[in-house]
Amino acid sequence: MAYLDNEIERRVCIDKMEIRALSSQDNPHQIVSEVSTLCSQAVHGALPPVTYIKRTLCQIRQINSSAPSNPLTITYIKISVKYSQTIDGRQFLEITLNQFKIGF
């Protein structure tokens, strides 16, 4: 049972690092050091090596901030909600059957 508790706490610790990486501009080493101080010693020992965690945090940031790939034809255009709404959440780009309508 203690193993399961440590595994859950380890996953929660890693999730906190990932959320912090997406919500701040702190460097990965700083995120790892600050979040890992909040974990118990047993969980700290069960975490992957710091280099792996730092690489994962960088990859998460890169995936989240990258733009969609270039489509081969107009039928392959897929625009996510992230790129079709204003900052305050209003829809400004409507896509219906490969026809685009821009407006507010």
PDB file of N, CA and C in Angstrom:
ATOM      1  N   MET A   1       0.819  -1.196   0.000  1.00  0.00           N
ATOM      2  CA  MET A   1       0.000   0.000   0.000  1.00  0.00           C
ATOM      3  C   MET A   1       0.862   1.260   0.000  1.00  0.00           C
ATOM      4  N   ALA A   2       1.984   1.226   0.719  1.00  0.00           N
ATOM      5  CA  ALA A   2       2.879   2.380   0.754  1.00  0.00           C
ATOM      6  C   ALA A   2       3.467   2.641  -0.630  1.00  0.00           C
ATOM      7  N   TYR A   3       3.749   1.539  -1.360  1.00  0.00           N
ATOM      8  CA  TYR A   3       4.273   1.693  -2.714  1.00  0.00           C
ATOM      9  C   TYR A   3       3.277   2.434  -3.597  1.00  0.00           C
ATOM     10  N   LEU A   4       2.014   2.081  -3.494  1.00  0.00           N
ATOM     11  CA  LEU A   4       0.975   2.721  -4.291  1.00  0.00           C
ATOM     12  C   LEU A   4       0.856   4.195  -3.933  1.00  0.00           C
ATOM     13  N   ASP A   5       0.922   4.512  -2.645  1.00  0.00           N
ATOM     14  CA  ASP A   5       0.865   5.907  -2.219  1.00  0.00           C
ATOM     15  C   ASP A   5       2.050   6.697  -2.764  1.00  0.00           C
ATOM     16  N   ASN A   6       3.244   6.097  -2.716  1.00  0.00           N
ATOM     17  CA  ASN A   6       4.430   6.769  -3.253  1.00  0.00           C
ATOM     18  C   ASN A   6       4.325   6.950  -4.760  1.00  0.00           C
ATOM     19  N   GLU A   7       3.769   5.957  -5.443  1.00  0.00           N
ATOM     20  CA  GLU A   7       3.613   6.052  -6.902  1.00  0.00           C
ATOM     21  C   GLU A   7       2.635   7.169  -7.267  1.00  0.00           C
ATOM     22  N   ILE A   8       1.565   7.276  -6.520  1.00  0.00           N
ATOM     23  CA  ILE A   8       0.592   8.342  -6.770  1.00  0.00           C
ATOM     24  C   ILE A   8       1.213   9.704  -6.491  1.00  0.00           C
ATOM     25  N   GLU A   9       1.933   9.813  -5.387  1.00  0.00           N
ATOM     26  CA  GLU A   9       2.575  11.086  -5.054  1.00  0.00           C
ATOM     27  C   GLU A   9       3.656  11.440  -6.073  1.00  0.00           C
ATOM     28  N   ARG A  10       4.361  10.426  -6.594  1.00  0.00           N
ATOM     29  CA  ARG A  10       5.373  10.669  -7.634  1.00  0.00           C
ATOM     30  C   ARG A  10       4.717  11.221  -8.891  1.00  0.00           C
ATOM     31  N   ARG A  11       3.576  10.626  -9.276  1.00  0.00           N
ATOM     32  CA  ARG A  11       2.870  11.092 -10.471  1.00  0.00           C
ATOM     33  C   ARG A  11       2.354  12.512 -10.274  1.00  0.00           C
ATOM     34  N   VAL A  12       1.838  12.810  -9.081  1.00  0.00           N
ATOM     35  CA  VAL A  12       1.352  14.157  -8.774  1.00  0.00           C
ATOM     36  C   VAL A  12       2.500  15.154  -8.857  1.00  0.00           C
ATOM     37  N   CYS A  13       3.667  14.762  -8.361  1.00  0.00           N
ATOM     38  CA  CYS A  13       4.843  15.639  -8.402  1.00  0.00           C
ATOM     39  C   CYS A  13       5.244  15.939  -9.848  1.00  0.00           C
ATOM     40  N   ILE A  14       5.267  14.922 -10.691  1.00  0.00           N
ATOM     41  CA  ILE A  14       5.615  15.115 -12.103  1.00  0.00           C
ATOM     42  C   ILE A  14       4.553  15.968 -12.799  1.00  0.00           C
ATOM     43  N   ASP A  15       3.284  15.742 -12.493  1.00  0.00           N
ATOM     44  CA  ASP A  15       2.217  16.559 -13.078  1.00  0.00           C
ATOM     45  C   ASP A  15       2.367  18.031 -12.695  1.00  0.00           C
ATOM     46  N   LYS A  16       2.752  18.301 -11.457  1.00  0.00           N
ATOM     47  CA  LYS A  16       2.967  19.686 -11.015  1.00  0.00           C
ATOM     48  C   LYS A  16       4.084  20.329 -11.821  1.00  0.00           C
ATOM     49  N   MET A  17       5.142  19.561 -12.094  1.00  0.00           N
ATOM     50  CA  MET A  17       6.248  20.083 -12.906  1.00  0.00           C
ATOM     51  C   MET A  17       5.778  20.413 -14.315  1.00  0.00           C
ATOM     52  N   GLU A  18       4.975  19.527 -14.895  1.00  0.00           N
ATOM     53  CA  GLU A  18       4.492  19.749 -16.258  1.00  0.00           C
ATOM     54  C   GLU A  18       3.580  20.969 -16.326  1.00  0.00           C
ATOM     55  N   ILE A  19       2.691  21.106 -15.357  1.00  0.00           N
ATOM     56  CA  ILE A  19       1.789  22.269 -15.323  1.00  0.00           C
ATOM     57  C   ILE A  19       2.585  23.549 -15.150  1.00  0.00           C
ATOM     58  N   ARG A  20       3.572  23.508 -14.283  1.00  0.00           N
ATOM     59  CA  ARG A  20       4.394  24.695 -14.056  1.00  0.00           C
ATOM     60  C   ARG A  20       5.191  25.056 -15.303  1.00  0.00           C
ATOM     61  N   ALA A  21       5.650  24.055 -16.038  1.00  0.00           N
ATOM     62  CA  ALA A  21       6.402  24.314 -17.270  1.00  0.00           C
ATOM     63  C   ALA A  21       5.534  25.009 -18.306  1.00  0.00           C
ATOM     64  N   LEU A  22       4.257  24.648 -18.360  1.00  0.00           N
ATOM     65  CA  LEU A  22       3.349  25.257 -19.330  1.00  0.00           C
ATOM     66  C   LEU A  22       2.874  26.638 -18.899  1.00  0.00           C
ATOM     67  N   SER A  23       2.876  26.903 -17.599  1.00  0.00           N
ATOM     68  CA  SER A  23       2.312  28.159 -17.119  1.00  0.00           C
ATOM     69  C   SER A  23       3.358  29.196 -16.734  1.00  0.00           C
ATOM     70  N   SER A  24       4.640  28.868 -16.843  1.00  0.00           N
ATOM     71  CA  SER A  24       5.675  29.841 -16.479  1.00  0.00           C
ATOM     72  C   SER A  24       6.816  29.782 -17.482  1.00  0.00           C
ATOM     73  N   GLN A  25       7.699  30.736 -17.383  1.00  0.00           N
ATOM     74  CA  GLN A  25       8.882  30.784 -18.239  1.00  0.00           C
ATOM     75  C   GLN A  25      10.147  30.399 -17.479  1.00  0.00           C
ATOM     76  N   ASP A  26       9.980  29.849 -16.269  1.00  0.00           N
ATOM     77  CA  ASP A  26      11.138  29.412 -15.488  1.00  0.00           C
ATOM     78  C   ASP A  26      11.883  28.315 -16.241  1.00  0.00           C
ATOM     79  N   ASN A  27      13.211  28.265 -16.021  1.00  0.00           N
ATOM     80  CA  ASN A  27      13.946  27.210 -16.711  1.00  0.00           C
ATOM     81  C   ASN A  27      13.640  25.868 -16.066  1.00  0.00           C
ATOM     82  N   PRO A  28      13.761  24.780 -16.815  1.00  0.00           N
ATOM     83  CA  PRO A  28      13.377  23.457 -16.318  1.00  0.00           C
ATOM     84  C   PRO A  28      14.089  23.044 -15.033  1.00  0.00           C
ATOM     85  N   HIS A  29      15.363  23.393 -14.897  1.00  0.00           N
ATOM     86  CA  HIS A  29      16.083  22.997 -13.685  1.00  0.00           C
ATOM     87  C   HIS A  29      15.480  23.661 -12.450  1.00  0.00           C
ATOM     88  N   GLN A  30      15.098  24.916 -12.592  1.00  0.00           N
ATOM     89  CA  GLN A  30      14.471  25.633 -11.486  1.00  0.00           C
ATOM     90  C   GLN A  30      13.130  24.994 -11.117  1.00  0.00           C
ATOM     91  N   ILE A  31      12.356  24.619 -12.113  1.00  0.00           N
ATOM     92  CA  ILE A  31      11.057  23.976 -11.867  1.00  0.00           C
ATOM     93  C   ILE A  31      11.258  22.653 -11.134  1.00  0.00           C
ATOM     94  N   VAL A  32      12.206  21.845 -11.600  1.00  0.00           N
ATOM     95  CA  VAL A  32      12.463  20.549 -10.974  1.00  0.00           C
ATOM     96  C   VAL A  32      12.894  20.724  -9.525  1.00  0.00           C
ATOM     97  N   SER A  33      13.805  21.663  -9.288  1.00  0.00           N
ATOM     98  CA  SER A  33      14.309  21.832  -7.926  1.00  0.00           C
ATOM     99  C   SER A  33      13.230  22.348  -6.982  1.00  0.00           C
ATOM    100  N   GLU A  34      12.401  23.281  -7.429  1.00  0.00           N
ATOM    101  CA  GLU A  34      11.364  23.825  -6.555  1.00  0.00           C
ATOM    102  C   GLU A  34      10.251  22.822  -6.286  1.00  0.00           C
ATOM    103  N   VAL A  35       9.797  22.116  -7.291  1.00  0.00           N
ATOM    104  CA  VAL A  35       8.702  21.163  -7.095  1.00  0.00           C
ATOM    105  C   VAL A  35       9.177  19.933  -6.327  1.00  0.00           C
ATOM    106  N   SER A  36      10.400  19.486  -6.586  1.00  0.00           N
ATOM    107  CA  SER A  36      10.878  18.282  -5.900  1.00  0.00           C
ATOM    108  C   SER A  36      11.108  18.522  -4.412  1.00  0.00           C
ATOM    109  N   THR A  37      11.319  19.758  -3.994  1.00  0.00           N
ATOM    110  CA  THR A  37      11.463  20.037  -2.562  1.00  0.00           C
ATOM    111  C   THR A  37      10.141  19.845  -1.829  1.00  0.00           C
ATOM    112  N   LEU A  38       9.032  19.894  -2.553  1.00  0.00           N
ATOM    113  CA  LEU A  38       7.721  19.702  -1.933  1.00  0.00           C
ATOM    114  C   LEU A  38       7.369  18.226  -1.781  1.00  0.00           C
ATOM    115  N   CYS A  39       8.133  17.341  -2.415  1.00  0.00           N
ATOM    116  CA  CYS A  39       7.854  15.905  -2.363  1.00  0.00           C
ATOM    117  C   CYS A  39       8.592  15.267  -1.186  1.00  0.00           C
ATOM    118  N   SER A  40       8.071  14.142  -0.743  1.00  0.00           N
ATOM    119  CA  SER A  40       8.737  13.410   0.340  1.00  0.00           C
ATOM    120  C   SER A  40      10.031  12.797  -0.176  1.00  0.00           C
ATOM    121  N   GLN A  41      10.883  12.353   0.748  1.00  0.00           N
ATOM    122  CA  GLN A  41      12.162  11.773   0.367  1.00  0.00           C
ATOM    123  C   GLN A  41      11.978  10.480  -0.423  1.00  0.00           C
ATOM    124  N   ALA A  42      10.991   9.692  -0.064  1.00  0.00           N
ATOM    125  CA  ALA A  42      10.740   8.434  -0.779  1.00  0.00           C
ATOM    126  C   ALA A  42      10.344   8.710  -2.228  1.00  0.00           C
ATOM    127  N   VAL A  43       9.519   9.719  -2.425  1.00  0.00           N
ATOM    128  CA  VAL A  43       9.092  10.077  -3.777  1.00  0.00           C
ATOM    129  C   VAL A  43      10.243  10.705  -4.539  1.00  0.00           C
ATOM    130  N   HIS A  44      11.025  11.524  -3.863  1.00  0.00           N
ATOM    131  CA  HIS A  44      12.167  12.170  -4.510  1.00  0.00           C
ATOM    132  C   HIS A  44      13.131  11.123  -5.052  1.00  0.00           C
ATOM    133  N   GLY A  45      13.321  10.045  -4.305  1.00  0.00           N
ATOM    134  CA  GLY A  45      14.197   8.976  -4.770  1.00  0.00           C
ATOM    135  C   GLY A  45      13.604   8.169  -5.912  1.00  0.00           C
ATOM    136  N   ALA A  46      12.282   8.177  -6.039  1.00  0.00           N
ATOM    137  CA  ALA A  46      11.618   7.414  -7.096  1.00  0.00           C
ATOM    138  C   ALA A  46      11.471   8.207  -8.394  1.00  0.00           C
ATOM    139  N   LEU A  47      11.779   9.490  -8.367  1.00  0.00           N
ATOM    140  CA  LEU A  47      11.664  10.310  -9.575  1.00  0.00           C
ATOM    141  C   LEU A  47      12.734   9.901 -10.591  1.00  0.00           C
ATOM    142  N   PRO A  48      12.453  10.081 -11.876  1.00  0.00           N
ATOM    143  CA  PRO A  48      13.477   9.803 -12.893  1.00  0.00           C
ATOM    144  C   PRO A  48      14.645  10.781 -12.735  1.00  0.00           C
ATOM    145  N   PRO A  49      15.770  10.514 -13.386  1.00  0.00           N
ATOM    146  CA  PRO A  49      16.899  11.450 -13.316  1.00  0.00           C
ATOM    147  C   PRO A  49      16.494  12.857 -13.787  1.00  0.00           C
ATOM    148  N   VAL A  50      17.136  13.850 -13.213  1.00  0.00           N
ATOM    149  CA  VAL A  50      16.800  15.250 -13.502  1.00  0.00           C
ATOM    150  C   VAL A  50      16.934  15.561 -14.988  1.00  0.00           C
ATOM    151  N   THR A  51      17.923  14.990 -15.654  1.00  0.00           N
ATOM    152  CA  THR A  51      18.092  15.272 -17.087  1.00  0.00           C
ATOM    153  C   THR A  51      16.889  14.796 -17.891  1.00  0.00           C
ATOM    154  N   TYR A  52      16.308  13.663 -17.518  1.00  0.00           N
ATOM    155  CA  TYR A  52      15.114  13.168 -18.221  1.00  0.00           C
ATOM    156  C   TYR A  52      13.918  14.075 -17.980  1.00  0.00           C
ATOM    157  N   ILE A  53      13.765  14.514 -16.740  1.00  0.00           N
ATOM    158  CA  ILE A  53      12.637  15.400 -16.423  1.00  0.00           C
ATOM    159  C   ILE A  53      12.782  16.718 -17.167  1.00  0.00           C
ATOM    160  N   LYS A  54      13.994  17.280 -17.179  1.00  0.00           N
ATOM    161  CA  LYS A  54      14.218  18.549 -17.876  1.00  0.00           C
ATOM    162  C   LYS A  54      13.931  18.415 -19.364  1.00  0.00           C
ATOM    163  N   ARG A  55      14.356  17.300 -19.963  1.00  0.00           N
ATOM    164  CA  ARG A  55      14.099  17.076 -21.381  1.00  0.00           C
ATOM    165  C   ARG A  55      12.602  16.966 -21.650  1.00  0.00           C
ATOM    166  N   THR A  56      11.889  16.265 -20.758  1.00  0.00           N
ATOM    167  CA  THR A  56      10.437  16.121 -20.902  1.00  0.00           C
ATOM    168  C   THR A  56       9.747  17.467 -20.810  1.00  0.00           C
ATOM    169  N   LEU A  57      10.166  18.305 -19.869  1.00  0.00           N
ATOM    170  CA  LEU A  57       9.556  19.632 -19.719  1.00  0.00           C
ATOM    171  C   LEU A  57       9.789  20.485 -20.964  1.00  0.00           C
ATOM    172  N   CYS A  58      10.978  20.415 -21.530  1.00  0.00           N
ATOM    173  CA  CYS A  58      11.262  21.162 -22.769  1.00  0.00           C
ATOM    174  C   CYS A  58      10.405  20.653 -23.927  1.00  0.00           C
ATOM    175  N   GLN A  59      10.231  19.334 -24.024  1.00  0.00           N
ATOM    176  CA  GLN A  59       9.404  18.767 -25.084  1.00  0.00           C
ATOM    177  C   GLN A  59       7.943  19.165 -24.925  1.00  0.00           C
ATOM    178  N   ILE A  60       7.457  19.194 -23.698  1.00  0.00           N
ATOM    179  CA  ILE A  60       6.071  19.606 -23.449  1.00  0.00           C
ATOM    180  C   ILE A  60       5.865  21.041 -23.883  1.00  0.00           C
ATOM    181  N   ARG A  61       6.804  21.906 -23.546  1.00  0.00           N
ATOM    182  CA  ARG A  61       6.700  23.313 -23.966  1.00  0.00           C
ATOM    183  C   ARG A  61       6.734  23.439 -25.478  1.00  0.00           C
ATOM    184  N   GLN A  62       7.608  22.679 -26.122  1.00  0.00           N
ATOM    185  CA  GLN A  62       7.728  22.756 -27.578  1.00  0.00           C
ATOM    186  C   GLN A  62       6.455  22.279 -28.264  1.00  0.00           C
ATOM    187  N   ILE A  63       5.881  21.197 -27.802  1.00  0.00           N
ATOM    188  CA  ILE A  63       4.646  20.664 -28.394  1.00  0.00           C
ATOM    189  C   ILE A  63       3.503  21.648 -28.206  1.00  0.00           C
ATOM    190  N   ASN A  64       3.418  22.236 -27.034  1.00  0.00           N
ATOM    191  CA  ASN A  64       2.317  23.148 -26.728  1.00  0.00           C
ATOM    192  C   ASN A  64       2.409  24.452 -27.515  1.00  0.00           C
ATOM    193  N   SER A  65       3.616  24.912 -27.794  1.00  0.00           N
ATOM    194  CA  SER A  65       3.759  26.203 -28.448  1.00  0.00           C
ATOM    195  C   SER A  65       3.949  26.121 -29.962  1.00  0.00           C
ATOM    196  N   SER A  66       4.051  24.922 -30.509  1.00  0.00           N
ATOM    197  CA  SER A  66       4.306  24.816 -31.943  1.00  0.00           C
ATOM    198  C   SER A  66       3.030  25.025 -32.751  1.00  0.00           C
ATOM    199  N   ALA A  67       3.213  25.620 -33.901  1.00  0.00           N
ATOM    200  CA  ALA A  67       2.098  25.851 -34.818  1.00  0.00           C
ATOM    201  C   ALA A  67       1.800  24.556 -35.572  1.00  0.00           C
ATOM    202  N   PRO A  68       0.605  24.429 -36.130  1.00  0.00           N
ATOM    203  CA  PRO A  68       0.288  23.220 -36.906  1.00  0.00           C
ATOM    204  C   PRO A  68       1.163  23.115 -38.149  1.00  0.00           C
ATOM    205  N   SER A  69       1.346  21.903 -38.627  1.00  0.00           N
ATOM    206  CA  SER A  69       2.187  21.678 -39.802  1.00  0.00           C
ATOM    207  C   SER A  69       1.506  22.205 -41.062  1.00  0.00           C
ATOM    208  N   ASN A  70       2.297  22.399 -42.105  1.00  0.00           N
ATOM    209  CA  ASN A  70       1.767  22.883 -43.375  1.00  0.00           C
ATOM    210  C   ASN A  70       0.970  21.773 -44.061  1.00  0.00           C
ATOM    211  N   PRO A  71      -0.257  22.074 -44.501  1.00  0.00           N
ATOM    212  CA  PRO A  71      -1.067  21.060 -45.177  1.00  0.00           C
ATOM    213  C   PRO A  71      -0.590  20.852 -46.610  1.00  0.00           C
ATOM    214  N   LEU A  72      -0.816  19.643 -47.134  1.00  0.00           N
ATOM    215  CA  LEU A  72      -0.444  19.351 -48.518  1.00  0.00           C
ATOM    216  C   LEU A  72      -1.452  19.944 -49.496  1.00  0.00           C
ATOM    217  N   THR A  73      -2.729  19.894 -49.155  1.00  0.00           N
ATOM    218  CA  THR A  73      -3.772  20.503 -49.975  1.00  0.00           C
ATOM    219  C   THR A  73      -4.748  21.222 -49.054  1.00  0.00           C
ATOM    220  N   ILE A  74      -5.682  21.954 -49.635  1.00  0.00           N
ATOM    221  CA  ILE A  74      -6.643  22.714 -48.832  1.00  0.00           C
ATOM    222  C   ILE A  74      -7.567  21.795 -48.035  1.00  0.00           C
ATOM    223  N   THR A  75      -7.761  20.568 -48.497  1.00  0.00           N
ATOM    224  CA  THR A  75      -8.628  19.644 -47.751  1.00  0.00           C
ATOM    225  C   THR A  75      -7.978  19.158 -46.460  1.00  0.00           C
ATOM    226  N   TYR A  76      -6.663  19.300 -46.351  1.00  0.00           N
ATOM    227  CA  TYR A  76      -5.958  18.868 -45.152  1.00  0.00           C
ATOM    228  C   TYR A  76      -5.837  19.970 -44.085  1.00  0.00           C
ATOM    229  N   ILE A  77      -6.366  21.120 -44.368  1.00  0.00           N
ATOM    230  CA  ILE A  77      -6.249  22.217 -43.404  1.00  0.00           C
ATOM    231  C   ILE A  77      -7.095  21.908 -42.181  1.00  0.00           C
ATOM    232  N   LYS A  78      -6.437  21.888 -41.048  1.00  0.00           N
ATOM    233  CA  LYS A  78      -7.116  21.678 -39.771  1.00  0.00           C
ATOM    234  C   LYS A  78      -6.664  22.813 -38.855  1.00  0.00           C
ATOM    235  N   ILE A  79      -7.577  23.674 -38.500  1.00  0.00           N
ATOM    236  CA  ILE A  79      -7.263  24.803 -37.627  1.00  0.00           C
ATOM    237  C   ILE A  79      -7.901  24.545 -36.273  1.00  0.00           C
ATOM    238  N   SER A  80      -7.073  24.485 -35.254  1.00  0.00           N
ATOM    239  CA  SER A  80      -7.581  24.185 -33.917  1.00  0.00           C
ATOM    240  C   SER A  80      -8.288  25.407 -33.334  1.00  0.00           C
ATOM    241  N   VAL A  81      -9.032  25.160 -32.285  1.00  0.00           N
ATOM    242  CA  VAL A  81      -9.772  26.230 -31.603  1.00  0.00           C
ATOM    243  C   VAL A  81      -8.805  27.304 -31.109  1.00  0.00           C
ATOM    244  N   LYS A  82      -7.630  26.887 -30.710  1.00  0.00           N
ATOM    245  CA  LYS A  82      -6.612  27.819 -30.209  1.00  0.00           C
ATOM    246  C   LYS A  82      -6.321  28.929 -31.219  1.00  0.00           C
ATOM    247  N   TYR A  83      -6.378  28.607 -32.517  1.00  0.00           N
ATOM    248  CA  TYR A  83      -6.065  29.572 -33.561  1.00  0.00           C
ATOM    249  C   TYR A  83      -7.292  30.195 -34.207  1.00  0.00           C
ATOM    250  N   SER A  84      -8.486  29.834 -33.764  1.00  0.00           N
ATOM    251  CA  SER A  84      -9.683  30.388 -34.383  1.00  0.00           C
ATOM    252  C   SER A  84     -10.514  31.217 -33.414  1.00  0.00           C
ATOM    253  N   GLN A  85      -9.968  31.508 -32.237  1.00  0.00           N
ATOM    254  CA  GLN A  85     -10.658  32.342 -31.260  1.00  0.00           C
ATOM    255  C   GLN A  85      -9.762  33.484 -30.822  1.00  0.00           C
ATOM    256  N   THR A  86     -10.415  34.574 -30.397  1.00  0.00           N
ATOM    257  CA  THR A  86      -9.667  35.695 -29.853  1.00  0.00           C
ATOM    258  C   THR A  86      -9.237  35.359 -28.428  1.00  0.00           C
ATOM    259  N   ILE A  87      -8.438  36.216 -27.844  1.00  0.00           N
ATOM    260  CA  ILE A  87      -7.956  35.979 -26.484  1.00  0.00           C
ATOM    261  C   ILE A  87      -9.102  35.863 -25.492  1.00  0.00           C
ATOM    262  N   ASP A  88     -10.159  36.645 -25.702  1.00  0.00           N
ATOM    263  CA  ASP A  88     -11.287  36.587 -24.769  1.00  0.00           C
ATOM    264  C   ASP A  88     -12.282  35.484 -25.112  1.00  0.00           C
ATOM    265  N   GLY A  89     -11.953  34.599 -26.065  1.00  0.00           N
ATOM    266  CA  GLY A  89     -12.769  33.427 -26.343  1.00  0.00           C
ATOM    267  C   GLY A  89     -13.813  33.584 -27.432  1.00  0.00           C
ATOM    268  N   ARG A  90     -13.880  34.752 -28.080  1.00  0.00           N
ATOM    269  CA  ARG A  90     -14.867  34.925 -29.158  1.00  0.00           C
ATOM    270  C   ARG A  90     -14.360  34.262 -30.437  1.00  0.00           C
ATOM    271  N   GLN A  91     -15.275  33.628 -31.155  1.00  0.00           N
ATOM    272  CA  GLN A  91     -14.944  32.968 -32.417  1.00  0.00           C
ATOM    273  C   GLN A  91     -14.760  34.022 -33.508  1.00  0.00           C
ATOM    274  N   PHE A  92     -13.629  33.988 -34.227  1.00  0.00           N
ATOM    275  CA  PHE A  92     -13.440  34.922 -35.331  1.00  0.00           C
ATOM    276  C   PHE A  92     -13.186  34.217 -36.649  1.00  0.00           C
ATOM    277  N   LEU A  93     -12.972  32.921 -36.618  1.00  0.00           N
ATOM    278  CA  LEU A  93     -12.719  32.167 -37.836  1.00  0.00           C
ATOM    279  C   LEU A  93     -13.628  30.949 -37.836  1.00  0.00           C
ATOM    280  N   GLU A  94     -14.535  30.894 -38.809  1.00  0.00           N
ATOM    281  CA  GLU A  94     -15.435  29.759 -38.933  1.00  0.00           C
ATOM    282  C   GLU A  94     -15.020  28.920 -40.122  1.00  0.00           C
ATOM    283  N   ILE A  95     -15.017  27.617 -39.938  1.00  0.00           N
ATOM    284  CA  ILE A  95     -14.629  26.707 -41.008  1.00  0.00           C
ATOM    285  C   ILE A  95     -15.772  25.733 -41.238  1.00  0.00           C
ATOM    286  N   THR A  96     -16.333  25.766 -42.457  1.00  0.00           N
ATOM    287  CA  THR A  96     -17.385  24.815 -42.811  1.00  0.00           C
ATOM    288  C   THR A  96     -17.104  24.293 -44.213  1.00  0.00           C
ATOM    289  N   LEU A  97     -16.924  22.994 -44.331  1.00  0.00           N
ATOM    290  CA  LEU A  97     -16.702  22.329 -45.614  1.00  0.00           C
ATOM    291  C   LEU A  97     -15.662  23.039 -46.471  1.00  0.00           C
ATOM    292  N   ASN A  98     -14.487  23.233 -45.883  1.00  0.00           N
ATOM    293  CA  ASN A  98     -13.338  23.844 -46.558  1.00  0.00           C
ATOM    294  C   ASN A  98     -13.572  25.282 -47.020  1.00  0.00           C
ATOM    295  N   GLN A  99     -14.551  25.948 -46.405  1.00  0.00           N
ATOM    296  CA  GLN A  99     -14.764  27.368 -46.690  1.00  0.00           C
ATOM    297  C   GLN A  99     -14.482  28.133 -45.413  1.00  0.00           C
ATOM    298  N   PHE A 100     -13.714  29.176 -45.556  1.00  0.00           N
ATOM    299  CA  PHE A 100     -13.316  29.955 -44.390  1.00  0.00           C
ATOM    300  C   PHE A 100     -14.083  31.264 -44.358  1.00  0.00           C
ATOM    301  N   LYS A 101     -14.527  31.648 -43.197  1.00  0.00           N
ATOM    302  CA  LYS A 101     -15.230  32.904 -43.034  1.00  0.00           C
ATOM    303  C   LYS A 101     -14.573  33.630 -41.865  1.00  0.00           C
ATOM    304  N   ILE A 102     -14.047  34.796 -42.146  1.00  0.00           N
ATOM    305  CA  ILE A 102     -13.386  35.581 -41.105  1.00  0.00           C
ATOM    306  C   ILE A 102     -14.290  36.734 -40.732  1.00  0.00           C
ATOM    307  N   GLY A 103     -14.450  36.906 -39.459  1.00  0.00           N
ATOM    308  CA  GLY A 103     -15.285  38.022 -39.001  1.00  0.00           C
ATOM    309  C   GLY A 103     -15.634  37.891 -37.537  1.00  0.00           C
ATOM    310  N   PHE A 104     -16.221  38.912 -37.026  1.00  0.00           N
ATOM    311  CA  PHE A 104     -16.617  38.911 -35.618  1.00  0.00           C
ATOM    312  C   PHE A 104     -18.093  38.890 -35.585  1.00  0.00           C
TER     313      PHE A 104
END
